[in-house]
């Protein structure tokens, strides 16, 4: 099977670190897409994890610049998705749900907050997500039917 992960923050790497290793150890293919942010790429390099940096060069100072950055990111990530042709996509991205819908590939959105706490993210990503992986305690509002709940918290993955 082919898995595509998209992460944008060091905490997300810690969440998926062992999963990425286990998937490859079991003979599956993994493509990790990431943005160069904080120390994320330093962590990946230090652990010898292969990744593709999808960060688009541009300023993110105002709403228009954010929109332009989103379009650039979308194009870059979609190109990698089309080339890799994953069976499933996983991550915490509001770009992947749109791409997964266009390419007819399942997307598992991984969150740890209630939809009310992250309303913009929820509105942009939950409608097009195939499933939403979240702790049972999380309330996803009108997207509750997409939830795959579990009895734990993301931070416990950091301990492994």
N, C-alpha and C. Protein backbone atom coordinates (compact mmCIF):
# COMPACT_ATOMS: atom_id res chain seq x y z
N UNK A 1 0.83 -1.18 0.00
CA UNK A 1 0.00 0.00 0.00
C UNK A 1 0.87 1.25 0.00
N UNK A 2 0.33 2.32 -0.51
CA UNK A 2 1.07 3.59 -0.56
C UNK A 2 0.36 4.63 0.31
N UNK A 3 1.13 5.20 1.24
CA UNK A 3 0.60 6.18 2.18
C UNK A 3 1.26 7.53 1.91
N UNK A 4 0.45 8.58 1.90
CA UNK A 4 0.97 9.93 1.79
C UNK A 4 0.60 10.68 3.07
N UNK A 5 1.59 11.22 3.74
CA UNK A 5 1.39 12.03 4.94
C UNK A 5 1.76 13.47 4.62
N UNK A 6 1.01 14.41 5.17
CA UNK A 6 1.32 15.83 5.02
C UNK A 6 1.32 16.44 6.41
N UNK A 7 2.49 16.92 6.84
CA UNK A 7 2.59 17.52 8.17
C UNK A 7 3.18 18.93 8.05
N UNK A 8 2.81 19.77 9.00
CA UNK A 8 3.22 21.17 8.95
C UNK A 8 3.82 21.68 10.24
N UNK A 9 3.97 20.83 11.24
CA UNK A 9 4.42 21.29 12.55
C UNK A 9 5.23 20.18 13.22
N UNK A 10 6.23 20.55 14.02
CA UNK A 10 7.04 19.53 14.72
C UNK A 10 6.20 18.56 15.56
N UNK A 11 5.15 19.04 16.20
CA UNK A 11 4.31 18.16 17.02
C UNK A 11 3.66 17.07 16.16
N UNK A 12 3.33 17.41 14.91
CA UNK A 12 2.73 16.42 14.02
C UNK A 12 3.74 15.33 13.65
N UNK A 13 5.01 15.72 13.53
CA UNK A 13 6.04 14.69 13.28
C UNK A 13 6.13 13.75 14.46
N UNK A 14 6.13 14.29 15.67
CA UNK A 14 6.19 13.42 16.86
C UNK A 14 4.98 12.50 16.93
N UNK A 15 3.83 13.00 16.49
CA UNK A 15 2.61 12.19 16.47
C UNK A 15 2.74 11.00 15.52
N UNK A 16 3.31 11.23 14.34
CA UNK A 16 3.37 10.21 13.30
C UNK A 16 4.71 9.48 13.20
N UNK A 17 5.70 9.88 13.95
CA UNK A 17 7.06 9.36 13.81
C UNK A 17 7.10 7.83 13.81
N UNK A 18 6.54 7.21 14.81
CA UNK A 18 6.59 5.76 14.91
C UNK A 18 5.73 5.09 13.84
N UNK A 19 4.61 5.70 13.52
CA UNK A 19 3.73 5.17 12.47
C UNK A 19 4.45 5.13 11.13
N UNK A 20 5.15 6.20 10.80
CA UNK A 20 5.91 6.26 9.55
C UNK A 20 6.92 5.12 9.48
N UNK A 21 7.64 4.90 10.58
CA UNK A 21 8.65 3.83 10.62
C UNK A 21 8.00 2.46 10.51
N UNK A 22 6.88 2.26 11.22
CA UNK A 22 6.20 0.97 11.20
C UNK A 22 5.64 0.64 9.81
N UNK A 23 5.08 1.64 9.14
CA UNK A 23 4.53 1.41 7.80
C UNK A 23 5.62 0.95 6.85
N UNK A 24 6.76 1.63 6.86
CA UNK A 24 7.86 1.24 5.98
C UNK A 24 8.43 -0.12 6.38
N UNK A 25 8.53 -0.37 7.67
CA UNK A 25 9.06 -1.65 8.15
C UNK A 25 8.19 -2.82 7.68
N UNK A 26 6.90 -2.57 7.48
CA UNK A 26 5.98 -3.60 7.02
C UNK A 26 5.89 -3.67 5.49
N UNK A 27 6.81 -3.00 4.81
CA UNK A 27 6.91 -3.14 3.36
C UNK A 27 6.04 -2.22 2.54
N UNK A 28 5.44 -1.23 3.16
CA UNK A 28 4.60 -0.29 2.42
C UNK A 28 5.42 0.94 2.05
N UNK A 29 4.92 1.70 1.09
CA UNK A 29 5.59 2.92 0.66
C UNK A 29 4.99 4.13 1.38
N UNK A 30 5.87 5.07 1.73
CA UNK A 30 5.44 6.29 2.40
C UNK A 30 6.03 7.49 1.68
N UNK A 31 5.21 8.49 1.44
CA UNK A 31 5.68 9.78 0.97
C UNK A 31 5.29 10.79 2.02
N UNK A 32 6.28 11.49 2.54
CA UNK A 32 6.04 12.51 3.55
C UNK A 32 6.25 13.88 2.93
N UNK A 33 5.20 14.68 2.96
CA UNK A 33 5.27 16.06 2.48
C UNK A 33 5.24 16.97 3.70
N UNK A 34 6.05 18.02 3.67
CA UNK A 34 6.11 18.91 4.81
C UNK A 34 6.47 20.32 4.39
N UNK A 35 6.16 21.25 5.26
CA UNK A 35 6.59 22.63 5.07
C UNK A 35 7.79 22.86 5.98
N UNK A 36 8.69 23.69 5.52
CA UNK A 36 9.84 24.04 6.35
C UNK A 36 9.36 25.02 7.41
N UNK A 37 9.18 24.52 8.62
CA UNK A 37 8.66 25.35 9.70
C UNK A 37 9.36 25.01 11.00
N UNK A 38 9.71 26.06 11.75
CA UNK A 38 10.36 25.89 13.04
C UNK A 38 11.53 24.92 12.91
N UNK A 39 11.52 23.89 13.70
CA UNK A 39 12.61 22.91 13.67
C UNK A 39 12.19 21.61 13.00
N UNK A 40 11.05 21.62 12.32
CA UNK A 40 10.50 20.40 11.73
C UNK A 40 11.50 19.69 10.82
N UNK A 41 12.06 20.41 9.87
CA UNK A 41 12.98 19.75 8.93
C UNK A 41 14.26 19.32 9.64
N UNK A 42 14.66 20.02 10.68
CA UNK A 42 15.84 19.60 11.46
C UNK A 42 15.56 18.25 12.15
N UNK A 43 14.36 18.09 12.69
CA UNK A 43 13.98 16.83 13.33
C UNK A 43 13.99 15.69 12.32
N UNK A 44 13.40 15.95 11.15
CA UNK A 44 13.33 14.92 10.11
C UNK A 44 14.73 14.53 9.64
N UNK A 45 15.57 15.53 9.39
CA UNK A 45 16.94 15.27 8.96
C UNK A 45 17.71 14.49 10.03
N UNK A 46 17.54 14.88 11.27
CA UNK A 46 18.25 14.24 12.38
C UNK A 46 17.85 12.76 12.52
N UNK A 47 16.59 12.45 12.25
CA UNK A 47 16.11 11.07 12.36
C UNK A 47 16.26 10.29 11.06
N UNK A 48 16.82 10.92 10.02
CA UNK A 48 17.02 10.23 8.75
C UNK A 48 15.73 9.93 8.00
N UNK A 49 14.72 10.75 8.21
CA UNK A 49 13.42 10.55 7.56
C UNK A 49 13.42 11.29 6.22
N UNK A 50 13.05 10.57 5.17
CA UNK A 50 12.97 11.19 3.84
C UNK A 50 11.66 11.98 3.74
N UNK A 51 11.75 13.16 3.15
CA UNK A 51 10.57 14.01 2.99
C UNK A 51 10.76 14.93 1.80
N UNK A 52 9.67 15.52 1.39
CA UNK A 52 9.71 16.54 0.34
C UNK A 52 9.18 17.83 0.95
N UNK A 53 9.97 18.87 0.84
CA UNK A 53 9.58 20.17 1.35
C UNK A 53 8.67 20.83 0.30
N UNK A 54 7.44 21.12 0.68
CA UNK A 54 6.48 21.71 -0.24
C UNK A 54 6.26 23.19 0.02
N UNK A 55 7.12 23.78 0.81
CA UNK A 55 6.96 25.19 1.16
C UNK A 55 7.11 26.06 -0.08
N UNK A 56 6.11 26.88 -0.31
CA UNK A 56 6.18 27.80 -1.44
C UNK A 56 6.81 29.10 -0.96
N UNK A 57 7.60 29.66 -1.81
CA UNK A 57 8.27 30.90 -1.44
C UNK A 57 7.31 32.06 -1.63
N UNK A 58 7.09 32.77 -0.57
CA UNK A 58 6.17 33.90 -0.61
C UNK A 58 5.95 34.43 0.78
N UNK A 59 5.42 35.60 0.86
CA UNK A 59 5.17 36.22 2.15
C UNK A 59 3.76 35.88 2.61
N UNK A 60 3.60 35.74 3.91
CA UNK A 60 2.30 35.42 4.48
C UNK A 60 1.90 36.51 5.47
N UNK A 61 1.93 37.76 5.03
CA UNK A 61 1.68 38.87 5.94
C UNK A 61 0.24 39.35 5.97
N UNK A 62 -0.53 39.08 4.94
CA UNK A 62 -1.92 39.55 4.91
C UNK A 62 -2.80 38.48 4.29
N UNK A 63 -4.09 38.74 4.25
CA UNK A 63 -5.05 37.76 3.76
C UNK A 63 -4.81 37.39 2.30
N UNK A 64 -4.51 38.37 1.46
CA UNK A 64 -4.24 38.09 0.05
C UNK A 64 -3.00 37.21 -0.10
N UNK A 65 -1.94 37.51 0.66
CA UNK A 65 -0.71 36.72 0.61
C UNK A 65 -0.97 35.29 1.08
N UNK A 66 -1.82 35.13 2.09
CA UNK A 66 -2.17 33.79 2.55
C UNK A 66 -2.92 33.01 1.47
N UNK A 67 -3.81 33.68 0.77
CA UNK A 67 -4.57 33.04 -0.31
C UNK A 67 -3.63 32.60 -1.43
N UNK A 68 -2.70 33.47 -1.83
CA UNK A 68 -1.73 33.13 -2.87
C UNK A 68 -0.87 31.96 -2.41
N UNK A 69 -0.45 31.97 -1.16
CA UNK A 69 0.35 30.87 -0.61
C UNK A 69 -0.43 29.56 -0.64
N UNK A 70 -1.73 29.62 -0.30
CA UNK A 70 -2.59 28.43 -0.33
C UNK A 70 -2.65 27.85 -1.74
N UNK A 71 -2.83 28.70 -2.75
CA UNK A 71 -2.91 28.25 -4.14
C UNK A 71 -1.59 27.59 -4.55
N UNK A 72 -0.48 28.21 -4.19
CA UNK A 72 0.83 27.64 -4.53
C UNK A 72 1.03 26.29 -3.84
N UNK A 73 0.69 26.21 -2.55
CA UNK A 73 0.79 24.96 -1.81
C UNK A 73 -0.07 23.88 -2.44
N UNK A 74 -1.30 24.25 -2.79
CA UNK A 74 -2.24 23.31 -3.40
C UNK A 74 -1.63 22.69 -4.66
N UNK A 75 -1.10 23.52 -5.53
CA UNK A 75 -0.52 23.03 -6.78
C UNK A 75 0.66 22.10 -6.53
N UNK A 76 1.53 22.48 -5.61
CA UNK A 76 2.71 21.68 -5.31
C UNK A 76 2.31 20.32 -4.73
N UNK A 77 1.42 20.34 -3.74
CA UNK A 77 1.00 19.10 -3.08
C UNK A 77 0.23 18.21 -4.06
N UNK A 78 -0.65 18.80 -4.86
CA UNK A 78 -1.43 18.00 -5.82
C UNK A 78 -0.51 17.30 -6.82
N UNK A 79 0.53 17.99 -7.28
CA UNK A 79 1.48 17.39 -8.22
C UNK A 79 2.14 16.15 -7.60
N UNK A 80 2.56 16.27 -6.34
CA UNK A 80 3.19 15.12 -5.67
C UNK A 80 2.19 13.99 -5.47
N UNK A 81 0.94 14.32 -5.16
CA UNK A 81 -0.09 13.29 -5.01
C UNK A 81 -0.34 12.56 -6.32
N UNK A 82 -0.40 13.29 -7.41
CA UNK A 82 -0.63 12.67 -8.71
C UNK A 82 0.55 11.78 -9.11
N UNK A 83 1.77 12.23 -8.83
CA UNK A 83 2.95 11.43 -9.18
C UNK A 83 3.08 10.18 -8.32
N UNK A 84 2.80 10.29 -7.04
CA UNK A 84 2.96 9.16 -6.11
C UNK A 84 1.78 8.19 -6.16
N UNK A 85 0.60 8.69 -6.42
CA UNK A 85 -0.64 7.91 -6.49
C UNK A 85 -0.86 7.07 -5.24
N UNK A 86 -1.05 7.73 -4.09
CA UNK A 86 -1.23 6.99 -2.84
C UNK A 86 -2.59 6.28 -2.78
N UNK A 87 -2.64 5.25 -1.94
CA UNK A 87 -3.91 4.58 -1.67
C UNK A 87 -4.70 5.34 -0.62
N UNK A 88 -3.98 6.01 0.26
CA UNK A 88 -4.62 6.78 1.32
C UNK A 88 -3.73 7.97 1.69
N UNK A 89 -4.38 9.06 2.11
CA UNK A 89 -3.65 10.25 2.54
C UNK A 89 -4.04 10.54 3.98
N UNK A 90 -3.04 10.97 4.76
CA UNK A 90 -3.24 11.19 6.19
C UNK A 90 -2.54 12.49 6.58
N UNK A 91 -3.18 13.25 7.45
CA UNK A 91 -2.51 14.44 7.92
C UNK A 91 -3.42 15.41 8.61
N UNK A 92 -2.88 16.60 8.80
CA UNK A 92 -3.59 17.67 9.49
C UNK A 92 -3.58 18.90 8.58
N UNK A 93 -3.92 18.69 7.36
CA UNK A 93 -3.83 19.73 6.34
C UNK A 93 -5.22 20.07 5.84
N UNK A 94 -5.47 21.34 5.55
CA UNK A 94 -6.74 21.67 4.91
C UNK A 94 -6.60 21.68 3.40
N UNK A 95 -5.40 21.37 2.90
CA UNK A 95 -5.17 21.25 1.46
C UNK A 95 -5.50 19.84 0.99
N UNK A 96 -5.07 18.84 1.75
CA UNK A 96 -5.27 17.44 1.33
C UNK A 96 -6.73 17.03 1.15
N UNK A 97 -7.66 17.47 1.99
CA UNK A 97 -9.05 17.03 1.75
C UNK A 97 -9.58 17.41 0.37
N UNK A 98 -9.24 18.59 -0.09
CA UNK A 98 -9.68 19.03 -1.42
C UNK A 98 -9.02 18.20 -2.51
N UNK A 99 -7.73 17.95 -2.35
CA UNK A 99 -7.00 17.16 -3.34
C UNK A 99 -7.51 15.72 -3.34
N UNK A 100 -7.73 15.16 -2.16
CA UNK A 100 -8.20 13.78 -2.08
C UNK A 100 -9.55 13.62 -2.75
N UNK A 101 -10.40 14.60 -2.59
CA UNK A 101 -11.72 14.54 -3.23
C UNK A 101 -11.59 14.61 -4.75
N UNK A 102 -10.72 15.49 -5.25
CA UNK A 102 -10.52 15.62 -6.69
C UNK A 102 -9.91 14.35 -7.30
N UNK A 103 -8.99 13.72 -6.55
CA UNK A 103 -8.31 12.54 -7.07
C UNK A 103 -8.98 11.23 -6.64
N UNK A 104 -10.07 11.34 -5.90
CA UNK A 104 -10.82 10.17 -5.41
C UNK A 104 -9.94 9.24 -4.57
N UNK A 105 -9.26 9.82 -3.61
CA UNK A 105 -8.40 9.08 -2.68
C UNK A 105 -8.88 9.39 -1.27
N UNK A 106 -9.03 8.38 -0.43
CA UNK A 106 -9.47 8.60 0.94
C UNK A 106 -8.46 9.45 1.71
N UNK A 107 -8.99 10.35 2.54
CA UNK A 107 -8.16 11.20 3.39
C UNK A 107 -8.60 11.08 4.83
N UNK A 108 -7.66 10.74 5.70
CA UNK A 108 -7.91 10.69 7.14
C UNK A 108 -7.34 11.96 7.75
N UNK A 109 -8.22 12.79 8.27
CA UNK A 109 -7.86 14.05 8.90
C UNK A 109 -7.63 13.76 10.38
N UNK A 110 -6.47 14.11 10.89
CA UNK A 110 -6.11 13.80 12.27
C UNK A 110 -6.16 15.10 13.08
N UNK A 111 -7.07 15.15 14.06
CA UNK A 111 -7.23 16.34 14.89
C UNK A 111 -7.30 15.96 16.36
N UNK A 112 -7.13 16.97 17.21
CA UNK A 112 -7.23 16.73 18.64
C UNK A 112 -8.05 17.82 19.34
N UNK A 113 -8.73 18.65 18.55
CA UNK A 113 -9.53 19.73 19.10
C UNK A 113 -10.98 19.61 18.66
N UNK A 114 -11.87 20.16 19.47
CA UNK A 114 -13.28 20.25 19.09
C UNK A 114 -13.41 21.16 17.87
N UNK A 115 -14.40 20.90 17.05
CA UNK A 115 -14.64 21.74 15.88
C UNK A 115 -14.88 23.19 16.29
N UNK A 116 -15.49 23.42 17.44
CA UNK A 116 -15.76 24.78 17.90
C UNK A 116 -14.48 25.53 18.26
N UNK A 117 -13.42 24.82 18.59
CA UNK A 117 -12.15 25.45 18.94
C UNK A 117 -11.36 25.83 17.69
N UNK A 118 -11.56 25.07 16.62
CA UNK A 118 -10.85 25.30 15.36
C UNK A 118 -11.87 25.50 14.23
N UNK A 119 -12.76 26.50 14.34
CA UNK A 119 -13.87 26.60 13.39
C UNK A 119 -13.46 26.81 11.94
N UNK A 120 -12.45 27.63 11.67
CA UNK A 120 -12.03 27.84 10.29
C UNK A 120 -11.43 26.57 9.70
N UNK A 121 -10.55 25.92 10.46
CA UNK A 121 -9.96 24.66 9.99
C UNK A 121 -11.06 23.63 9.74
N UNK A 122 -12.01 23.53 10.67
CA UNK A 122 -13.10 22.56 10.53
C UNK A 122 -13.91 22.82 9.26
N UNK A 123 -14.24 24.08 9.01
CA UNK A 123 -15.03 24.42 7.83
C UNK A 123 -14.27 24.18 6.53
N UNK A 124 -12.96 24.37 6.57
CA UNK A 124 -12.15 24.19 5.35
C UNK A 124 -11.78 22.73 5.10
N UNK A 125 -11.66 21.93 6.15
CA UNK A 125 -11.13 20.58 5.94
C UNK A 125 -12.11 19.44 6.21
N UNK A 126 -12.98 19.58 7.19
CA UNK A 126 -13.85 18.46 7.55
C UNK A 126 -14.84 18.05 6.47
N UNK A 127 -15.46 18.98 5.73
CA UNK A 127 -16.44 18.55 4.72
C UNK A 127 -15.87 17.59 3.67
N UNK A 128 -14.62 17.77 3.28
CA UNK A 128 -14.02 16.94 2.24
C UNK A 128 -13.17 15.80 2.78
N UNK A 129 -13.10 15.65 4.09
CA UNK A 129 -12.34 14.55 4.69
C UNK A 129 -13.18 13.28 4.64
N UNK A 130 -12.54 12.16 4.34
CA UNK A 130 -13.25 10.89 4.34
C UNK A 130 -13.56 10.48 5.77
N UNK A 131 -12.54 10.56 6.63
CA UNK A 131 -12.68 10.24 8.05
C UNK A 131 -11.92 11.28 8.85
N UNK A 132 -12.31 11.41 10.12
CA UNK A 132 -11.61 12.32 11.02
C UNK A 132 -11.20 11.50 12.24
N UNK A 133 -9.90 11.33 12.41
CA UNK A 133 -9.35 10.56 13.52
C UNK A 133 -9.14 11.52 14.68
N UNK A 134 -9.83 11.26 15.80
CA UNK A 134 -9.78 12.18 16.94
C UNK A 134 -10.07 11.42 18.22
N UNK A 135 -9.58 11.94 19.34
CA UNK A 135 -9.94 11.32 20.62
C UNK A 135 -11.47 11.32 20.80
N UNK A 136 -11.97 10.29 21.48
CA UNK A 136 -13.43 10.19 21.70
C UNK A 136 -13.99 11.46 22.32
N UNK A 137 -13.23 12.10 23.15
CA UNK A 137 -13.70 13.29 23.87
C UNK A 137 -13.94 14.48 22.94
N UNK A 138 -13.35 14.49 21.78
CA UNK A 138 -13.51 15.61 20.84
C UNK A 138 -14.92 15.64 20.25
N UNK A 139 -15.46 16.83 20.17
CA UNK A 139 -16.79 17.02 19.59
C UNK A 139 -16.61 17.67 18.22
N UNK A 140 -17.05 16.97 17.19
CA UNK A 140 -16.84 17.44 15.83
C UNK A 140 -18.09 18.04 15.19
N UNK A 141 -19.12 18.27 16.00
CA UNK A 141 -20.32 18.92 15.50
C UNK A 141 -20.98 18.14 14.39
N UNK A 142 -21.33 18.82 13.30
CA UNK A 142 -22.05 18.17 12.21
C UNK A 142 -21.21 17.15 11.45
N UNK A 143 -19.92 17.05 11.79
CA UNK A 143 -19.04 16.06 11.14
C UNK A 143 -18.77 14.86 12.05
N UNK A 144 -19.54 14.74 13.11
CA UNK A 144 -19.36 13.64 14.09
C UNK A 144 -19.46 12.28 13.41
N UNK A 145 -20.28 12.16 12.36
CA UNK A 145 -20.45 10.88 11.67
C UNK A 145 -19.18 10.43 10.93
N UNK A 146 -18.23 11.33 10.73
CA UNK A 146 -16.98 10.98 10.06
C UNK A 146 -15.89 10.58 11.05
N UNK A 147 -16.18 10.72 12.33
CA UNK A 147 -15.16 10.51 13.36
C UNK A 147 -14.84 9.04 13.59
N UNK A 148 -13.54 8.78 13.63
CA UNK A 148 -13.02 7.51 14.13
C UNK A 148 -12.41 7.89 15.48
N UNK A 149 -13.10 7.55 16.54
CA UNK A 149 -12.66 7.96 17.87
C UNK A 149 -11.78 6.92 18.54
N UNK A 150 -10.93 7.40 19.43
CA UNK A 150 -10.07 6.50 20.20
C UNK A 150 -9.93 7.04 21.62
N UNK A 151 -9.64 6.15 22.55
CA UNK A 151 -9.55 6.49 23.97
C UNK A 151 -8.13 6.87 24.34
N UNK A 152 -7.68 8.03 23.91
CA UNK A 152 -6.35 8.50 24.25
C UNK A 152 -6.21 9.95 23.82
N UNK A 153 -4.98 10.43 23.82
CA UNK A 153 -4.66 11.79 23.40
C UNK A 153 -3.43 11.74 22.51
N UNK A 154 -3.29 12.69 21.60
CA UNK A 154 -2.13 12.75 20.69
C UNK A 154 -0.82 12.71 21.45
N UNK A 155 -0.75 13.44 22.53
CA UNK A 155 0.53 13.59 23.24
C UNK A 155 1.09 12.25 23.73
N UNK A 156 0.25 11.25 23.93
CA UNK A 156 0.78 9.96 24.36
C UNK A 156 1.62 9.29 23.26
N UNK A 157 1.39 9.65 22.02
CA UNK A 157 2.20 9.12 20.92
C UNK A 157 3.64 9.63 21.02
N UNK A 158 3.82 10.78 21.64
CA UNK A 158 5.17 11.35 21.79
C UNK A 158 6.04 10.49 22.69
N UNK A 159 5.42 9.69 23.56
CA UNK A 159 6.17 8.91 24.55
C UNK A 159 6.76 7.63 23.97
N UNK A 160 6.28 7.20 22.85
CA UNK A 160 6.74 5.93 22.27
C UNK A 160 8.08 6.09 21.63
